[in-house]
Amino acid sequence: MLPYARVVAKRSFQTSSARQFVIPFLPLLPQKPGGVQGTPNDAFIPPKPHKMEGSYHWWLEKSFSYSILPLTTVAFLTTGTLSTVTDTALCLSALGYSYMEFHSCITDYVQTRQYGKYHNYALYLLGAGTLASLLGIYNLETQKGGFKGLVKSLWYGEEEEKK
């Protein structure tokens, strides 16, 4: 074996253990060694199927993600005013997609098994933020000229809009 290959082979072997992702400011519940509930010989009891966490969830997530690209393209290619319905659909699809992705992050990283009640608190906080965002979208659409009006005012500045 070449001396260079031996050095590379020695360096590529990692002996440290993988660290588990932990949120530093949330207290962890005590865990059993290995995370085994009961005995290792107990039969696995699968969770009950739930349509909103299964096929409907994936269908809804795909529809949100597929609707954002055409709506964004239409919004930026039109030079005139954008229809209120199209502008609202763009804002709502972006909000729905963001909600589903943040929900997935909370489900994956703030697990009930490890963090207990903080998992539910995170979901409640996400729901409250989504409702506040819906009120913000309503305010944006009724008073500020929609999302395109907001981008235009940010791009040109407030003083340009007053002229």
N, C-alpha and C. Protein backbone atom coordinates (compact mmCIF):
# COMPACT_ATOMS: atom_id res chain seq x y z
N MET A 1 0.85 -1.18 0.00
CA MET A 1 0.00 0.00 0.00
C MET A 1 0.89 1.24 0.00
N LEU A 2 0.50 2.22 -0.75
CA LEU A 2 1.26 3.46 -0.81
C LEU A 2 1.20 4.18 0.53
N PRO A 3 2.26 4.92 0.89
CA PRO A 3 2.24 5.63 2.18
C PRO A 3 1.13 6.69 2.23
N TYR A 4 0.85 7.33 1.11
CA TYR A 4 -0.20 8.35 1.10
C TYR A 4 -1.56 7.73 1.36
N ALA A 5 -1.82 6.56 0.79
CA ALA A 5 -3.11 5.89 0.97
C ALA A 5 -3.30 5.48 2.43
N ARG A 6 -2.20 5.07 3.11
CA ARG A 6 -2.31 4.70 4.52
C ARG A 6 -2.68 5.91 5.38
N VAL A 7 -2.09 7.07 5.06
CA VAL A 7 -2.38 8.28 5.83
C VAL A 7 -3.84 8.69 5.63
N VAL A 8 -4.32 8.63 4.40
CA VAL A 8 -5.71 8.99 4.12
C VAL A 8 -6.65 8.01 4.81
N ALA A 9 -6.32 6.73 4.79
CA ALA A 9 -7.18 5.73 5.43
C ALA A 9 -7.24 5.96 6.93
N LYS A 10 -6.13 6.34 7.55
CA LYS A 10 -6.13 6.59 8.99
C LYS A 10 -6.93 7.84 9.33
N ARG A 11 -6.83 8.85 8.50
CA ARG A 11 -7.51 10.11 8.79
C ARG A 11 -9.02 10.03 8.55
N SER A 12 -9.46 9.17 7.66
CA SER A 12 -10.87 9.13 7.34
C SER A 12 -11.69 8.36 8.37
N PHE A 13 -11.05 7.62 9.26
CA PHE A 13 -11.76 6.88 10.29
C PHE A 13 -12.06 7.82 11.46
N GLN A 14 -13.32 7.96 11.79
CA GLN A 14 -13.71 8.87 12.86
C GLN A 14 -14.15 8.05 14.07
N THR A 15 -13.58 8.36 15.22
CA THR A 15 -13.89 7.58 16.42
C THR A 15 -14.86 8.29 17.36
N SER A 16 -15.13 9.57 17.13
CA SER A 16 -16.04 10.28 18.04
C SER A 16 -17.49 9.88 17.76
N SER A 17 -18.31 9.93 18.80
CA SER A 17 -19.72 9.56 18.64
C SER A 17 -20.51 10.76 18.12
N ALA A 18 -21.59 10.48 17.46
CA ALA A 18 -22.43 11.54 16.91
C ALA A 18 -23.22 12.19 18.05
N ARG A 19 -23.25 13.51 18.07
CA ARG A 19 -24.00 14.23 19.10
C ARG A 19 -25.45 14.37 18.67
N GLN A 20 -26.32 14.26 19.64
CA GLN A 20 -27.75 14.42 19.38
C GLN A 20 -28.08 15.91 19.38
N PHE A 21 -29.00 16.30 18.50
CA PHE A 21 -29.43 17.70 18.44
C PHE A 21 -30.26 18.01 19.68
N VAL A 22 -29.86 19.05 20.42
CA VAL A 22 -30.55 19.44 21.64
C VAL A 22 -30.77 20.95 21.59
N ILE A 23 -31.98 21.38 21.92
CA ILE A 23 -32.27 22.80 22.01
C ILE A 23 -31.84 23.26 23.40
N PRO A 24 -30.88 24.20 23.51
CA PRO A 24 -30.25 24.48 24.80
C PRO A 24 -31.17 25.09 25.85
N PHE A 25 -32.19 25.84 25.49
CA PHE A 25 -33.00 26.53 26.48
C PHE A 25 -34.26 25.76 26.87
N LEU A 26 -34.50 24.59 26.30
CA LEU A 26 -35.66 23.78 26.67
C LEU A 26 -35.21 22.59 27.52
N PRO A 27 -35.88 22.36 28.65
CA PRO A 27 -35.49 21.22 29.48
C PRO A 27 -35.89 19.90 28.83
N LEU A 28 -35.02 18.91 28.98
CA LEU A 28 -35.28 17.59 28.43
C LEU A 28 -35.95 16.71 29.47
N LEU A 29 -36.84 15.84 29.02
CA LEU A 29 -37.42 14.83 29.91
C LEU A 29 -36.41 13.70 30.07
N PRO A 30 -36.38 13.04 31.22
CA PRO A 30 -35.45 11.91 31.38
C PRO A 30 -35.82 10.77 30.42
N GLN A 31 -34.81 10.18 29.80
CA GLN A 31 -35.03 9.13 28.82
C GLN A 31 -34.48 7.81 29.35
N LYS A 32 -35.13 6.72 28.95
CA LYS A 32 -34.60 5.40 29.26
C LYS A 32 -33.39 5.15 28.38
N PRO A 33 -32.43 4.35 28.83
CA PRO A 33 -31.27 4.05 27.99
C PRO A 33 -31.70 3.39 26.68
N GLY A 34 -31.28 3.94 25.59
CA GLY A 34 -31.63 3.42 24.28
C GLY A 34 -33.01 3.82 23.80
N GLY A 35 -33.78 4.48 24.63
CA GLY A 35 -35.11 4.93 24.25
C GLY A 35 -36.13 3.82 24.09
N VAL A 36 -35.88 2.65 24.70
CA VAL A 36 -36.77 1.51 24.55
C VAL A 36 -37.88 1.60 25.58
N GLN A 37 -39.12 1.55 25.13
CA GLN A 37 -40.28 1.50 26.01
C GLN A 37 -40.65 0.03 26.20
N GLY A 38 -40.78 -0.42 27.42
CA GLY A 38 -41.10 -1.83 27.67
C GLY A 38 -39.84 -2.67 27.55
N THR A 39 -39.98 -3.86 26.99
CA THR A 39 -38.82 -4.72 26.78
C THR A 39 -38.54 -4.81 25.29
N PRO A 40 -37.33 -5.20 24.92
CA PRO A 40 -37.01 -5.31 23.49
C PRO A 40 -37.83 -6.37 22.76
N ASN A 41 -38.43 -7.32 23.49
CA ASN A 41 -39.19 -8.39 22.85
C ASN A 41 -40.67 -8.05 22.67
N ASP A 42 -41.12 -6.89 23.15
CA ASP A 42 -42.52 -6.50 22.97
C ASP A 42 -42.80 -6.20 21.50
N ALA A 43 -44.02 -6.50 21.08
CA ALA A 43 -44.41 -6.23 19.70
C ALA A 43 -44.53 -4.72 19.48
N PHE A 44 -44.19 -4.30 18.27
CA PHE A 44 -44.29 -2.88 17.92
C PHE A 44 -45.76 -2.52 17.73
N ILE A 45 -46.18 -1.43 18.37
CA ILE A 45 -47.55 -0.94 18.22
C ILE A 45 -47.48 0.32 17.37
N PRO A 46 -47.89 0.24 16.10
CA PRO A 46 -47.79 1.43 15.25
C PRO A 46 -48.83 2.48 15.66
N PRO A 47 -48.53 3.76 15.42
CA PRO A 47 -49.51 4.79 15.74
C PRO A 47 -50.72 4.69 14.80
N LYS A 48 -51.85 5.18 15.27
CA LYS A 48 -53.06 5.14 14.45
C LYS A 48 -52.89 6.06 13.24
N PRO A 49 -53.34 5.62 12.06
CA PRO A 49 -53.21 6.48 10.87
C PRO A 49 -54.10 7.72 10.99
N HIS A 50 -53.56 8.81 10.50
CA HIS A 50 -54.27 10.08 10.55
C HIS A 50 -54.14 10.71 9.17
N LYS A 51 -55.26 10.99 8.51
CA LYS A 51 -55.21 11.46 7.12
C LYS A 51 -54.51 12.80 6.97
N MET A 52 -54.66 13.69 7.96
CA MET A 52 -54.01 15.00 7.84
C MET A 52 -52.51 14.92 8.05
N GLU A 53 -52.01 13.82 8.58
CA GLU A 53 -50.57 13.64 8.72
C GLU A 53 -50.04 12.64 7.69
N GLY A 54 -50.87 12.22 6.79
CA GLY A 54 -50.48 11.25 5.78
C GLY A 54 -50.62 11.81 4.38
N SER A 55 -51.51 11.19 3.61
CA SER A 55 -51.62 11.54 2.20
C SER A 55 -52.15 12.95 1.98
N TYR A 56 -53.10 13.41 2.80
CA TYR A 56 -53.61 14.78 2.64
C TYR A 56 -52.52 15.80 2.92
N HIS A 57 -51.68 15.50 3.91
CA HIS A 57 -50.59 16.42 4.26
C HIS A 57 -49.65 16.61 3.07
N TRP A 58 -49.25 15.50 2.45
CA TRP A 58 -48.31 15.59 1.33
C TRP A 58 -48.96 16.24 0.12
N TRP A 59 -50.24 15.93 -0.13
CA TRP A 59 -50.93 16.55 -1.25
C TRP A 59 -51.04 18.06 -1.05
N LEU A 60 -51.38 18.49 0.16
CA LEU A 60 -51.51 19.92 0.45
C LEU A 60 -50.16 20.63 0.34
N GLU A 61 -49.11 19.99 0.83
CA GLU A 61 -47.78 20.60 0.75
C GLU A 61 -47.32 20.74 -0.71
N LYS A 62 -47.58 19.73 -1.52
CA LYS A 62 -47.22 19.81 -2.94
C LYS A 62 -48.02 20.90 -3.64
N SER A 63 -49.31 21.01 -3.33
CA SER A 63 -50.12 22.03 -4.00
C SER A 63 -49.66 23.43 -3.61
N PHE A 64 -49.28 23.64 -2.35
CA PHE A 64 -48.74 24.95 -1.95
C PHE A 64 -47.44 25.25 -2.69
N SER A 65 -46.54 24.27 -2.73
CA SER A 65 -45.25 24.53 -3.37
C SER A 65 -45.38 24.70 -4.88
N TYR A 66 -46.30 23.98 -5.52
CA TYR A 66 -46.49 24.14 -6.96
C TYR A 66 -47.20 25.43 -7.31
N SER A 67 -48.00 25.97 -6.41
CA SER A 67 -48.73 27.20 -6.72
C SER A 67 -47.89 28.46 -6.53
N ILE A 68 -46.83 28.39 -5.75
CA ILE A 68 -46.03 29.59 -5.47
C ILE A 68 -45.27 30.05 -6.71
N LEU A 69 -44.68 29.14 -7.46
CA LEU A 69 -43.87 29.53 -8.62
C LEU A 69 -44.68 30.25 -9.70
N PRO A 70 -45.81 29.74 -10.17
CA PRO A 70 -46.56 30.49 -11.19
C PRO A 70 -47.10 31.82 -10.67
N LEU A 71 -47.55 31.84 -9.41
CA LEU A 71 -48.08 33.10 -8.87
C LEU A 71 -46.99 34.15 -8.73
N THR A 72 -45.80 33.73 -8.33
CA THR A 72 -44.68 34.67 -8.24
C THR A 72 -44.28 35.17 -9.61
N THR A 73 -44.25 34.28 -10.59
CA THR A 73 -43.89 34.68 -11.95
C THR A 73 -44.90 35.67 -12.51
N VAL A 74 -46.17 35.42 -12.32
CA VAL A 74 -47.21 36.35 -12.79
C VAL A 74 -47.09 37.69 -12.09
N ALA A 75 -46.80 37.67 -10.80
CA ALA A 75 -46.71 38.92 -10.03
C ALA A 75 -45.56 39.79 -10.51
N PHE A 76 -44.44 39.19 -10.87
CA PHE A 76 -43.29 40.00 -11.26
C PHE A 76 -43.23 40.30 -12.75
N LEU A 77 -43.97 39.57 -13.58
CA LEU A 77 -43.95 39.85 -15.01
C LEU A 77 -45.01 40.85 -15.43
N THR A 78 -46.06 41.01 -14.66
CA THR A 78 -47.08 41.98 -15.02
C THR A 78 -46.62 43.37 -14.61
N THR A 79 -46.78 44.31 -15.52
CA THR A 79 -46.33 45.68 -15.23
C THR A 79 -47.44 46.51 -14.60
N GLY A 80 -48.67 46.17 -14.86
CA GLY A 80 -49.79 46.92 -14.29
C GLY A 80 -50.12 46.41 -12.90
N THR A 81 -51.30 46.79 -12.45
CA THR A 81 -51.71 46.34 -11.14
C THR A 81 -52.08 44.87 -11.19
N LEU A 82 -51.76 44.19 -10.14
CA LEU A 82 -52.05 42.76 -10.05
C LEU A 82 -53.44 42.58 -9.46
N SER A 83 -54.14 41.60 -9.93
CA SER A 83 -55.47 41.32 -9.41
C SER A 83 -55.40 41.03 -7.91
N THR A 84 -56.40 41.48 -7.19
CA THR A 84 -56.43 41.26 -5.74
C THR A 84 -56.52 39.77 -5.42
N VAL A 85 -57.23 39.03 -6.23
CA VAL A 85 -57.37 37.59 -6.00
C VAL A 85 -56.02 36.90 -6.19
N THR A 86 -55.29 37.26 -7.24
CA THR A 86 -53.98 36.66 -7.49
C THR A 86 -53.00 37.03 -6.41
N ASP A 87 -53.02 38.28 -5.99
CA ASP A 87 -52.11 38.75 -4.94
C ASP A 87 -52.41 38.05 -3.61
N THR A 88 -53.68 37.90 -3.29
CA THR A 88 -54.07 37.21 -2.06
C THR A 88 -53.70 35.73 -2.14
N ALA A 89 -53.89 35.11 -3.29
CA ALA A 89 -53.52 33.70 -3.46
C ALA A 89 -52.02 33.51 -3.28
N LEU A 90 -51.21 34.45 -3.78
CA LEU A 90 -49.77 34.37 -3.60
C LEU A 90 -49.40 34.44 -2.13
N CYS A 91 -49.99 35.39 -1.41
CA CYS A 91 -49.68 35.55 0.02
C CYS A 91 -50.15 34.34 0.82
N LEU A 92 -51.34 33.84 0.53
CA LEU A 92 -51.87 32.71 1.29
C LEU A 92 -51.12 31.41 1.00
N SER A 93 -50.70 31.22 -0.25
CA SER A 93 -49.93 30.00 -0.55
C SER A 93 -48.55 30.06 0.09
N ALA A 94 -47.93 31.22 0.13
CA ALA A 94 -46.64 31.34 0.82
C ALA A 94 -46.80 31.12 2.32
N LEU A 95 -47.88 31.65 2.89
CA LEU A 95 -48.13 31.45 4.32
C LEU A 95 -48.44 29.98 4.63
N GLY A 96 -49.25 29.34 3.80
CA GLY A 96 -49.57 27.92 4.01
C GLY A 96 -48.35 27.04 3.90
N TYR A 97 -47.51 27.31 2.91
CA TYR A 97 -46.29 26.52 2.75
C TYR A 97 -45.35 26.73 3.94
N SER A 98 -45.22 27.97 4.40
CA SER A 98 -44.36 28.25 5.56
C SER A 98 -44.89 27.55 6.80
N TYR A 99 -46.21 27.58 6.99
CA TYR A 99 -46.81 26.91 8.15
C TYR A 99 -46.50 25.42 8.13
N MET A 100 -46.68 24.79 6.98
CA MET A 100 -46.45 23.34 6.92
C MET A 100 -44.99 22.99 7.14
N GLU A 101 -44.08 23.81 6.62
CA GLU A 101 -42.66 23.52 6.81
C GLU A 101 -42.22 23.74 8.26
N PHE A 102 -42.71 24.81 8.90
CA PHE A 102 -42.39 25.03 10.31
C PHE A 102 -43.01 23.93 11.18
N HIS A 103 -44.20 23.47 10.82
CA HIS A 103 -44.83 22.37 11.55
C HIS A 103 -43.97 21.12 11.45
N SER A 104 -43.42 20.86 10.27
CA SER A 104 -42.54 19.71 10.10
C SER A 104 -41.28 19.84 10.94
N CYS A 105 -40.72 21.05 11.01
CA CYS A 105 -39.53 21.27 11.84
C CYS A 105 -39.83 21.03 13.32
N ILE A 106 -40.97 21.51 13.78
CA ILE A 106 -41.35 21.31 15.18
C ILE A 106 -41.56 19.83 15.45
N THR A 107 -42.22 19.13 14.53
CA THR A 107 -42.46 17.70 14.71
C THR A 107 -41.14 16.92 14.75
N ASP A 108 -40.17 17.32 13.92
CA ASP A 108 -38.91 16.59 13.85
C ASP A 108 -37.97 16.91 15.00
N TYR A 109 -37.88 18.17 15.42
CA TYR A 109 -36.84 18.58 16.35
C TYR A 109 -37.32 18.89 17.76
N VAL A 110 -38.60 19.16 17.96
CA VAL A 110 -39.14 19.40 19.31
C VAL A 110 -40.13 18.27 19.57
N GLN A 111 -39.60 17.08 19.79
CA GLN A 111 -40.43 15.89 19.91
C GLN A 111 -41.12 15.83 21.27
N THR A 112 -42.31 15.28 21.29
CA THR A 112 -43.05 15.12 22.54
C THR A 112 -42.32 14.20 23.49
N ARG A 113 -41.67 13.18 22.97
CA ARG A 113 -40.95 12.23 23.81
C ARG A 113 -39.81 12.90 24.57
N GLN A 114 -39.15 13.88 23.97
CA GLN A 114 -38.01 14.52 24.61
C GLN A 114 -38.38 15.79 25.36
N TYR A 115 -39.27 16.61 24.80
CA TYR A 115 -39.54 17.93 25.36
C TYR A 115 -40.91 18.04 26.03
N GLY A 116 -41.75 17.02 25.90
CA GLY A 116 -43.04 17.02 26.60
C GLY A 116 -43.97 18.13 26.16
N LYS A 117 -44.41 18.93 27.13
CA LYS A 117 -45.41 19.97 26.86
C LYS A 117 -44.88 21.10 25.98
N TYR A 118 -43.56 21.25 25.87
CA TYR A 118 -43.01 22.32 25.03
C TYR A 118 -43.28 22.07 23.55
N HIS A 119 -43.49 20.81 23.18
CA HIS A 119 -43.89 20.50 21.80
C HIS A 119 -45.24 21.15 21.49
N ASN A 120 -46.19 20.98 22.40
CA ASN A 120 -47.52 21.58 22.20
C ASN A 120 -47.44 23.10 22.25
N TYR A 121 -46.61 23.65 23.14
CA TYR A 121 -46.45 25.11 23.20
C TYR A 121 -45.91 25.65 21.88
N ALA A 122 -44.96 24.93 21.28
CA ALA A 122 -44.40 25.37 20.00
C ALA A 122 -45.46 25.34 18.90
N LEU A 123 -46.30 24.31 18.92
CA LEU A 123 -47.38 24.24 17.92
C LEU A 123 -48.41 25.34 18.14
N TYR A 124 -48.74 25.64 19.40
CA TYR A 124 -49.68 26.73 19.69
C TYR A 124 -49.09 28.07 19.24
N LEU A 125 -47.81 28.27 19.48
CA LEU A 125 -47.15 29.50 19.07
C LEU A 125 -47.14 29.62 17.55
N LEU A 126 -46.92 28.51 16.85
CA LEU A 126 -46.97 28.52 15.39
C LEU A 126 -48.37 28.86 14.89
N GLY A 127 -49.40 28.30 15.52
CA GLY A 127 -50.77 28.62 15.13
C GLY A 127 -51.12 30.08 15.38
N ALA A 128 -50.68 30.62 16.52
CA ALA A 128 -50.94 32.03 16.82
C ALA A 128 -50.22 32.94 15.84
N GLY A 129 -48.99 32.59 15.49
CA GLY A 129 -48.26 33.37 14.50
C GLY A 129 -48.90 33.32 13.12
N THR A 130 -49.46 32.16 12.77
CA THR A 130 -50.15 32.04 11.49
C THR A 130 -51.42 32.88 11.46
N LEU A 131 -52.17 32.88 12.57
CA LEU A 131 -53.37 33.72 12.63
C LEU A 131 -53.01 35.20 12.57
N ALA A 132 -51.94 35.60 13.25
CA ALA A 132 -51.50 36.99 13.17
C ALA A 132 -51.06 37.33 11.75
N SER A 133 -50.44 36.38 11.06
CA SER A 133 -50.04 36.61 9.67
C SER A 133 -51.25 36.74 8.76
N LEU A 134 -52.31 35.96 9.03
CA LEU A 134 -53.54 36.11 8.25
C LEU A 134 -54.14 37.49 8.42
N LEU A 135 -54.13 38.00 9.64
CA LEU A 135 -54.61 39.37 9.87
C LEU A 135 -53.71 40.38 9.15
N GLY A 136 -52.41 40.13 9.15
CA GLY A 136 -51.49 41.00 8.43
C GLY A 136 -51.72 40.97 6.93
N ILE A 137 -52.02 39.80 6.38
CA ILE A 137 -52.32 39.70 4.95
C ILE A 137 -53.61 40.45 4.63
N TYR A 138 -54.60 40.34 5.50
CA TYR A 138 -55.85 41.08 5.29
C TYR A 138 -55.59 42.59 5.30
N ASN A 139 -54.79 43.05 6.26
CA ASN A 139 -54.44 44.47 6.33
C ASN A 139 -53.64 44.89 5.10
N LEU A 140 -52.73 44.06 4.67
CA LEU A 140 -51.91 44.35 3.50
C LEU A 140 -52.77 44.46 2.24
N GLU A 141 -53.72 43.56 2.09
CA GLU A 141 -54.56 43.56 0.89
C GLU A 141 -55.57 44.69 0.88
N THR A 142 -56.08 45.08 2.04
CA THR A 142 -57.13 46.11 2.06
C THR A 142 -56.59 47.52 2.13
N GLN A 143 -55.43 47.74 2.74
CA GLN A 143 -54.96 49.10 2.96
C GLN A 143 -53.66 49.45 2.25
N LYS A 144 -52.81 48.50 1.99
CA LYS A 144 -51.49 48.81 1.45
C LYS A 144 -51.32 48.50 -0.03
N GLY A 145 -52.36 48.04 -0.69
CA GLY A 145 -52.23 47.74 -2.11
C GLY A 145 -51.70 46.36 -2.40
N GLY A 146 -51.73 45.48 -1.45
CA GLY A 146 -51.30 44.10 -1.67
C GLY A 146 -49.80 43.92 -1.56
N PHE A 147 -49.38 42.70 -1.85
CA PHE A 147 -47.97 42.35 -1.75
C PHE A 147 -47.13 43.11 -2.77
N LYS A 148 -47.68 43.27 -3.97
CA LYS A 148 -46.94 43.99 -5.00
C LYS A 148 -46.79 45.46 -4.61
N GLY A 149 -47.81 46.06 -4.00
CA GLY A 149 -47.70 47.43 -3.51
C GLY A 149 -46.67 47.56 -2.40
N LEU A 150 -46.59 46.55 -1.55
CA LEU A 150 -45.58 46.55 -0.48
C LEU A 150 -44.17 46.49 -1.05
N VAL A 151 -43.96 45.60 -2.01
CA VAL A 151 -42.64 45.49 -2.64
C VAL A 151 -42.28 46.77 -3.37
N LYS A 152 -43.25 47.37 -4.05
CA LYS A 152 -43.01 48.62 -4.77
C LYS A 152 -42.64 49.74 -3.81
N SER A 153 -43.34 49.83 -2.66
CA SER A 153 -43.02 50.89 -1.70
C SER A 153 -41.66 50.65 -1.04
N LEU A 154 -41.29 49.39 -0.85
CA LEU A 154 -39.96 49.11 -0.30
C LEU A 154 -38.87 49.38 -1.32
N TRP A 155 -39.15 49.12 -2.60
CA TRP A 155 -38.16 49.30 -3.64
C TRP A 155 -37.91 50.78 -3.92
N TYR A 156 -38.98 51.55 -4.08
CA TYR A 156 -38.84 52.96 -4.42
C TYR A 156 -38.77 53.86 -3.21
N GLY A 157 -39.21 53.42 -2.07
CA GLY A 157 -39.22 54.25 -0.87
C GLY A 157 -40.56 54.95 -0.70
N GLU A 158 -40.83 55.38 0.51
CA GLU A 158 -42.11 56.01 0.83
C GLU A 158 -42.25 57.38 0.17
N GLU A 159 -41.16 58.15 0.07
CA GLU A 159 -41.27 59.49 -0.49
C GLU A 159 -41.58 59.47 -1.98
N GLU A 160 -41.14 58.44 -2.70
CA GLU A 160 -41.44 58.33 -4.12
C GLU A 160 -42.93 58.04 -4.34
N GLU A 161 -43.52 57.28 -3.43
CA GLU A 161 -44.92 56.90 -3.58
C GLU A 161 -45.86 58.08 -3.35
N LYS A 162 -45.46 59.05 -2.54
CA LYS A 162 -46.30 60.19 -2.22
C LYS A 162 -46.38 61.20 -3.36
N LYS A 163 -45.42 61.21 -4.28
CA LYS A 163 -45.39 62.20 -5.38
C LYS A 163 -46.47 62.00 -6.37
